[in-house]
């Protein structure tokens, strides 16, 4: 047993919830606690004594959710090896892969995919890609993109992953999405990523979105353009004034048009074009 691990017990709480025993559903069980705190020896002993690795609380949290949210890779290995449901959903619809993405644990994410975790859960809730963007984990974003994450997956509350990245001002995550071919003008209630960038008053983000083809004239469900969410004479307001006044160059228009034609695998497809390397770099925003 590791230093600090609580003693192993064999009460009915370890065997999971029983009819009428509401407390076991509400409270985390010892196997949840061991998974959450990374107590691998205790977790191993609990599993060996026959404790179910798929116990759920009232909010449908499993031990695997707990381990992934904390990035405890050894606990994740033990749970998956003992038959933990890799795509179990909690009350919010989040899977262990969502939690691993939120924690920024690439190790846990890779292991979950090895056990068959779905990169694109079927419901209209935050996907693993949304979670990675929400918490500002660009390496996780890139990993999920390479694993086939749907860049246009739409959460009913947040919109696309690009909406989330911009609302949270995670520029690296937003750039990874845009480079991979995310639709810069995707809308939630007619609200685009540029609207989010304007609301958080991030000039660097605005410039990047416009460079990737963001429409400064797009109107949301209130009829407002992105510039309508800036303060007069502020740096972001002046930025929008410039873009609204100056048309895009022919080179920019060509790049945007070619990238739209290349689709979500824009960088990969651009490398296959029979054009000079410098043009490929330009199309790839390198």
Protein backbone atom coordinates (compact mmCIF):
# COMPACT_ATOMS: atom_id res chain seq x y z
CA UNK A 1 0.00 0.00 0.00
CA UNK A 2 1.27 3.49 -0.83
CA UNK A 3 1.95 6.04 1.86
CA UNK A 4 -1.24 7.97 2.49
CA UNK A 5 -3.54 5.32 1.01
CA UNK A 6 -6.62 4.64 3.16
CA UNK A 7 -7.05 1.09 4.45
CA UNK A 8 -8.86 -1.45 2.28
CA UNK A 9 -12.32 -2.40 3.51
CA UNK A 10 -14.87 -4.92 2.29
CA UNK A 11 -18.14 -3.21 3.10
CA UNK A 12 -21.14 -3.26 0.79
CA UNK A 13 -20.11 0.19 -0.45
CA UNK A 14 -17.28 -1.47 -2.37
CA UNK A 15 -19.68 -3.75 -4.19
CA UNK A 16 -21.63 -0.79 -5.55
CA UNK A 17 -25.06 0.73 -5.19
CA UNK A 18 -27.94 -1.46 -4.08
CA UNK A 19 -31.65 -0.74 -4.36
CA UNK A 20 -32.71 1.71 -1.68
CA UNK A 21 -29.14 2.63 -0.73
CA UNK A 22 -29.14 6.13 -2.22
CA UNK A 23 -25.98 7.24 -0.44
CA UNK A 24 -23.80 5.01 -2.56
CA UNK A 25 -25.09 6.71 -5.73
CA UNK A 26 -24.54 10.20 -4.39
CA UNK A 27 -21.11 9.74 -2.84
CA UNK A 28 -17.92 8.64 -4.48
CA UNK A 29 -17.00 5.07 -3.55
CA UNK A 30 -13.50 3.94 -2.50
CA UNK A 31 -12.71 2.94 -6.09
CA UNK A 32 -13.69 6.45 -7.26
CA UNK A 33 -11.47 7.99 -4.59
CA UNK A 34 -8.51 5.77 -5.45
CA UNK A 35 -8.86 6.63 -9.14
CA UNK A 36 -9.22 10.34 -8.49
CA UNK A 37 -6.19 10.58 -6.22
CA UNK A 38 -3.94 8.27 -8.23
CA UNK A 39 -3.62 5.60 -5.52
CA UNK A 40 -2.62 2.82 -7.88
CA UNK A 41 -1.87 0.15 -5.28
CA UNK A 42 -5.16 0.68 -3.53
CA UNK A 43 -6.97 0.64 -6.88
CA UNK A 44 -5.27 -2.60 -7.85
CA UNK A 45 -6.25 -4.21 -4.56
CA UNK A 46 -9.85 -3.06 -4.93
CA UNK A 47 -10.03 -4.55 -8.41
CA UNK A 48 -8.49 -7.81 -7.20
CA UNK A 49 -11.09 -8.08 -4.45
CA UNK A 50 -13.81 -7.95 -7.09
CA UNK A 51 -14.96 -4.36 -6.93
CA UNK A 52 -16.76 -3.36 -10.13
CA UNK A 53 -14.73 -0.87 -12.19
CA UNK A 54 -17.94 0.52 -13.73
CA UNK A 55 -19.60 1.77 -10.55
CA UNK A 56 -21.45 5.03 -11.15
CA UNK A 57 -22.52 7.87 -8.89
CA UNK A 58 -25.80 9.76 -9.16
CA UNK A 59 -24.19 11.95 -11.84
CA UNK A 60 -22.98 8.85 -13.73
CA UNK A 61 -19.31 9.44 -12.93
CA UNK A 62 -17.24 6.27 -13.27
CA UNK A 63 -13.79 5.62 -11.79
CA UNK A 64 -12.40 5.96 -15.32
CA UNK A 65 -13.83 9.48 -15.57
CA UNK A 66 -12.10 10.35 -12.30
CA UNK A 67 -8.71 8.96 -13.35
CA UNK A 68 -8.80 10.64 -16.76
CA UNK A 69 -9.80 14.02 -15.37
CA UNK A 70 -6.72 13.95 -13.15
CA UNK A 71 -4.44 12.44 -15.79
CA UNK A 72 -3.52 9.39 -13.70
CA UNK A 73 -2.25 7.15 -16.50
CA UNK A 74 -1.46 4.12 -14.29
CA UNK A 75 -4.97 4.15 -12.84
CA UNK A 76 -6.41 4.45 -16.35
CA UNK A 77 -4.38 1.40 -17.42
CA UNK A 78 -5.64 -0.63 -14.46
CA UNK A 79 -9.27 0.32 -15.04
CA UNK A 80 -9.25 -0.32 -18.78
CA UNK A 81 -7.43 -3.60 -18.27
CA UNK A 82 -10.14 -4.64 -15.81
CA UNK A 83 -12.96 -3.90 -18.26
CA UNK A 84 -13.88 -0.27 -17.64
CA UNK A 85 -16.32 1.09 -20.24
CA UNK A 86 -14.17 3.31 -22.42
CA UNK A 87 -17.04 5.48 -23.69
CA UNK A 88 -19.13 5.71 -20.51
CA UNK A 89 -21.08 8.98 -20.33
CA UNK A 90 -21.69 11.06 -17.25
CA UNK A 91 -24.82 13.15 -16.68
CA UNK A 92 -23.38 15.94 -18.87
CA UNK A 93 -22.64 13.53 -21.72
CA UNK A 94 -18.87 13.65 -21.22
CA UNK A 95 -16.79 10.54 -21.90
CA UNK A 96 -13.44 9.66 -20.30
CA UNK A 97 -11.77 10.95 -23.49
CA UNK A 98 -13.45 14.31 -22.91
CA UNK A 99 -12.03 14.38 -19.39
CA UNK A 100 -8.55 13.35 -20.55
CA UNK A 101 -8.68 16.13 -23.16
CA UNK A 102 -9.71 18.62 -20.49
CA UNK A 103 -6.81 17.58 -18.27
CA UNK A 104 -4.34 17.80 -21.14
CA UNK A 105 -3.11 14.24 -20.69
CA UNK A 106 -1.91 12.97 -24.07
CA UNK A 107 -0.89 9.67 -22.50
CA UNK A 108 -4.41 9.00 -21.26
CA UNK A 109 -5.90 10.09 -24.58
CA UNK A 110 -3.67 7.74 -26.57
CA UNK A 111 -4.46 4.84 -24.27
CA UNK A 112 -8.21 5.46 -24.48
CA UNK A 113 -8.05 5.47 -28.28
CA UNK A 114 -6.09 2.20 -28.18
CA UNK A 115 -9.06 0.74 -26.30
CA UNK A 116 -11.52 2.00 -28.90
CA UNK A 117 -12.69 5.34 -27.50
CA UNK A 118 -14.75 7.41 -29.94
CA UNK A 119 -13.14 10.67 -31.03
CA UNK A 120 -16.55 11.93 -32.18
CA UNK A 121 -19.30 11.10 -29.66
CA UNK A 122 -22.72 11.06 -31.35
CA UNK A 123 -24.63 13.51 -29.14
CA UNK A 124 -24.81 17.30 -29.42
CA UNK A 125 -22.68 17.91 -26.37
CA UNK A 126 -19.10 19.06 -25.89
CA UNK A 127 -16.75 16.69 -27.70
CA UNK A 128 -13.17 15.85 -26.68
CA UNK A 129 -12.07 18.54 -29.15
CA UNK A 130 -14.28 21.12 -27.44
CA UNK A 131 -12.82 20.18 -24.06
CA UNK A 132 -9.23 20.50 -25.30
CA UNK A 133 -10.02 23.97 -26.70
CA UNK A 134 -11.88 25.04 -23.59
CA UNK A 135 -8.85 24.30 -21.42
CA UNK A 136 -6.24 25.60 -23.85
CA UNK A 137 -4.39 22.39 -24.72
CA UNK A 138 -3.06 22.90 -28.28
CA UNK A 139 -1.13 19.62 -28.35
CA UNK A 140 -4.30 17.75 -27.45
CA UNK A 141 -6.16 19.68 -30.15
CA UNK A 142 -3.57 18.64 -32.76
CA UNK A 143 -3.65 15.04 -31.57
CA UNK A 144 -7.43 14.86 -31.83
CA UNK A 145 -7.37 16.44 -35.28
CA UNK A 146 -4.91 13.79 -36.44
CA UNK A 147 -7.12 11.13 -34.88
CA UNK A 148 -10.04 12.28 -37.05
CA UNK A 149 -11.94 14.70 -34.81
CA UNK A 150 -14.81 16.44 -36.58
CA UNK A 151 -13.80 20.10 -36.76
CA UNK A 152 -17.40 21.18 -37.26
CA UNK A 153 -18.94 19.19 -34.41
CA UNK A 154 -21.55 21.52 -32.94
CA UNK A 155 -22.27 21.67 -29.23
CA UNK A 156 -25.76 22.96 -28.45
CA UNK A 157 -24.37 25.44 -25.90
CA UNK A 158 -20.94 26.44 -27.21
CA UNK A 159 -21.08 26.01 -30.99
CA UNK A 160 -17.98 24.61 -32.70
CA UNK A 161 -14.57 24.00 -31.16
CA UNK A 162 -13.37 27.18 -32.88
CA UNK A 163 -16.09 29.17 -31.09
CA UNK A 164 -14.82 27.76 -27.79
CA UNK A 165 -11.16 28.46 -28.52
CA UNK A 166 -11.93 32.07 -29.45
CA UNK A 167 -14.28 32.71 -26.54
CA UNK A 168 -11.52 31.49 -24.19
CA UNK A 169 -8.79 33.38 -26.12
CA UNK A 170 -6.71 30.28 -26.77
CA UNK A 171 -4.91 31.46 -29.91
CA UNK A 172 -2.78 28.34 -30.36
CA UNK A 173 -5.85 26.12 -30.27
CA UNK A 174 -7.70 28.38 -32.70
CA UNK A 175 -4.76 28.40 -35.10
CA UNK A 176 -4.46 24.60 -35.00
CA UNK A 177 -8.14 24.33 -35.92
CA UNK A 178 -7.92 26.91 -38.67
CA UNK A 179 -4.78 25.40 -40.19
CA UNK A 180 -6.51 22.02 -40.24
CA UNK A 181 -9.42 23.48 -42.20
CA UNK A 182 -12.02 24.51 -39.62
CA UNK A 183 -14.73 26.75 -41.04
CA UNK A 184 -13.79 30.23 -39.84
CA UNK A 185 -17.32 31.51 -40.51
CA UNK A 186 -19.25 28.69 -38.85
CA UNK A 187 -22.13 30.21 -36.90
CA UNK A 188 -24.06 29.52 -33.72
CA UNK A 189 -27.22 31.62 -33.71
CA UNK A 190 -25.48 33.48 -36.56
CA UNK A 191 -22.63 34.28 -34.17
CA UNK A 192 -19.18 33.60 -35.65
CA UNK A 193 -15.75 33.19 -34.11
CA UNK A 194 -15.09 36.86 -34.99
CA UNK A 195 -18.01 37.89 -32.79
CA UNK A 196 -16.38 36.02 -29.91
CA UNK A 197 -13.00 37.62 -30.64
CA UNK A 198 -14.63 41.05 -30.65
CA UNK A 199 -16.37 40.42 -27.34
CA UNK A 200 -13.12 39.43 -25.62
CA UNK A 201 -11.40 42.38 -27.35
CA UNK A 202 -8.45 40.32 -28.60
CA UNK A 203 -6.80 42.10 -31.52
CA UNK A 204 -4.37 39.25 -32.31
CA UNK A 205 -7.25 36.82 -32.51
CA UNK A 206 -9.24 39.13 -34.78
CA UNK A 207 -6.29 39.54 -37.15
CA UNK A 208 -5.74 35.78 -37.34
CA UNK A 209 -9.41 35.04 -38.04
CA UNK A 210 -9.58 37.65 -40.79
CA UNK A 211 -6.37 36.27 -42.30
CA UNK A 212 -8.10 32.88 -42.54
CA UNK A 213 -11.14 34.41 -44.24
CA UNK A 214 -13.27 35.60 -41.33
CA UNK A 215 -16.20 37.74 -42.50
CA UNK A 216 -16.13 41.12 -40.72
CA UNK A 217 -19.62 41.89 -42.07
CA UNK A 218 -21.32 38.78 -40.62
CA UNK A 219 -24.33 39.59 -38.44
CA UNK A 220 -25.51 37.61 -35.44
CA UNK A 221 -29.11 36.96 -34.37
CA UNK A 222 -29.25 40.51 -32.97
CA UNK A 223 -28.22 41.95 -36.31
CA UNK A 224 -24.82 43.03 -35.00
CA UNK A 225 -21.47 42.79 -36.78
CA UNK A 226 -18.33 41.84 -34.81
CA UNK A 227 -17.25 45.51 -34.75
CA UNK A 228 -20.46 46.40 -32.93
CA UNK A 229 -19.07 44.65 -29.85
CA UNK A 230 -16.00 46.91 -29.59
CA UNK A 231 -15.49 50.21 -27.79
CA UNK A 232 -15.15 53.31 -30.03
CA UNK A 233 -11.51 54.18 -30.82
CA UNK A 234 -10.23 51.04 -29.09
CA UNK A 235 -7.48 48.96 -30.76
CA UNK A 236 -10.01 46.30 -31.74
CA UNK A 237 -12.42 48.89 -33.14
CA UNK A 238 -9.65 50.41 -35.25
CA UNK A 239 -8.69 46.93 -36.41
CA UNK A 240 -12.21 46.28 -37.67
CA UNK A 241 -12.40 49.74 -39.25
CA UNK A 242 -9.29 48.91 -41.26
CA UNK A 243 -10.58 45.53 -42.44
CA UNK A 244 -14.02 46.92 -43.29
CA UNK A 245 -12.42 49.67 -45.34
CA UNK A 246 -9.63 47.71 -47.06
CA UNK A 247 -10.47 44.85 -49.45
CA UNK A 248 -8.46 41.63 -49.25
CA UNK A 249 -5.54 41.27 -51.63
CA UNK A 250 -5.80 38.94 -54.61
CA UNK A 251 -3.23 36.64 -53.00
CA UNK A 252 -5.35 36.36 -49.83
CA UNK A 253 -8.51 35.69 -51.80
CA UNK A 254 -6.77 32.96 -53.81
CA UNK A 255 -5.38 31.33 -50.67
CA UNK A 256 -8.78 31.30 -48.97
CA UNK A 257 -10.48 29.90 -52.08
CA UNK A 258 -7.90 27.13 -52.52
CA UNK A 259 -8.11 26.15 -48.85
CA UNK A 260 -11.90 25.91 -49.04
CA UNK A 261 -11.51 23.56 -51.99
CA UNK A 262 -8.96 21.44 -50.09
CA UNK A 263 -11.38 20.90 -47.18
CA UNK A 264 -10.60 19.76 -43.64
CA UNK A 265 -7.33 18.10 -44.64
CA UNK A 266 -6.06 21.31 -46.19
CA UNK A 267 -2.43 20.99 -45.10
CA UNK A 268 -2.18 17.33 -46.10
CA UNK A 269 -3.86 17.93 -49.45
CA UNK A 270 -1.83 21.07 -50.17
CA UNK A 271 1.41 19.08 -49.95
CA UNK A 272 0.18 16.90 -52.83
CA UNK A 273 -0.40 19.81 -55.21
CA UNK A 274 1.92 20.15 -58.18
CA UNK A 275 2.90 23.72 -57.34
CA UNK A 276 6.09 25.40 -56.04
CA UNK A 277 6.95 24.72 -52.36
CA UNK A 278 6.63 28.42 -51.50
CA UNK A 279 3.02 28.41 -52.64
CA UNK A 280 2.33 25.28 -50.56
CA UNK A 281 3.79 27.08 -47.53
CA UNK A 282 1.60 30.11 -48.25
CA UNK A 283 -1.53 27.99 -48.53
CA UNK A 284 -0.56 26.18 -45.31
CA UNK A 285 -0.01 29.48 -43.43
CA UNK A 286 3.59 28.57 -42.64
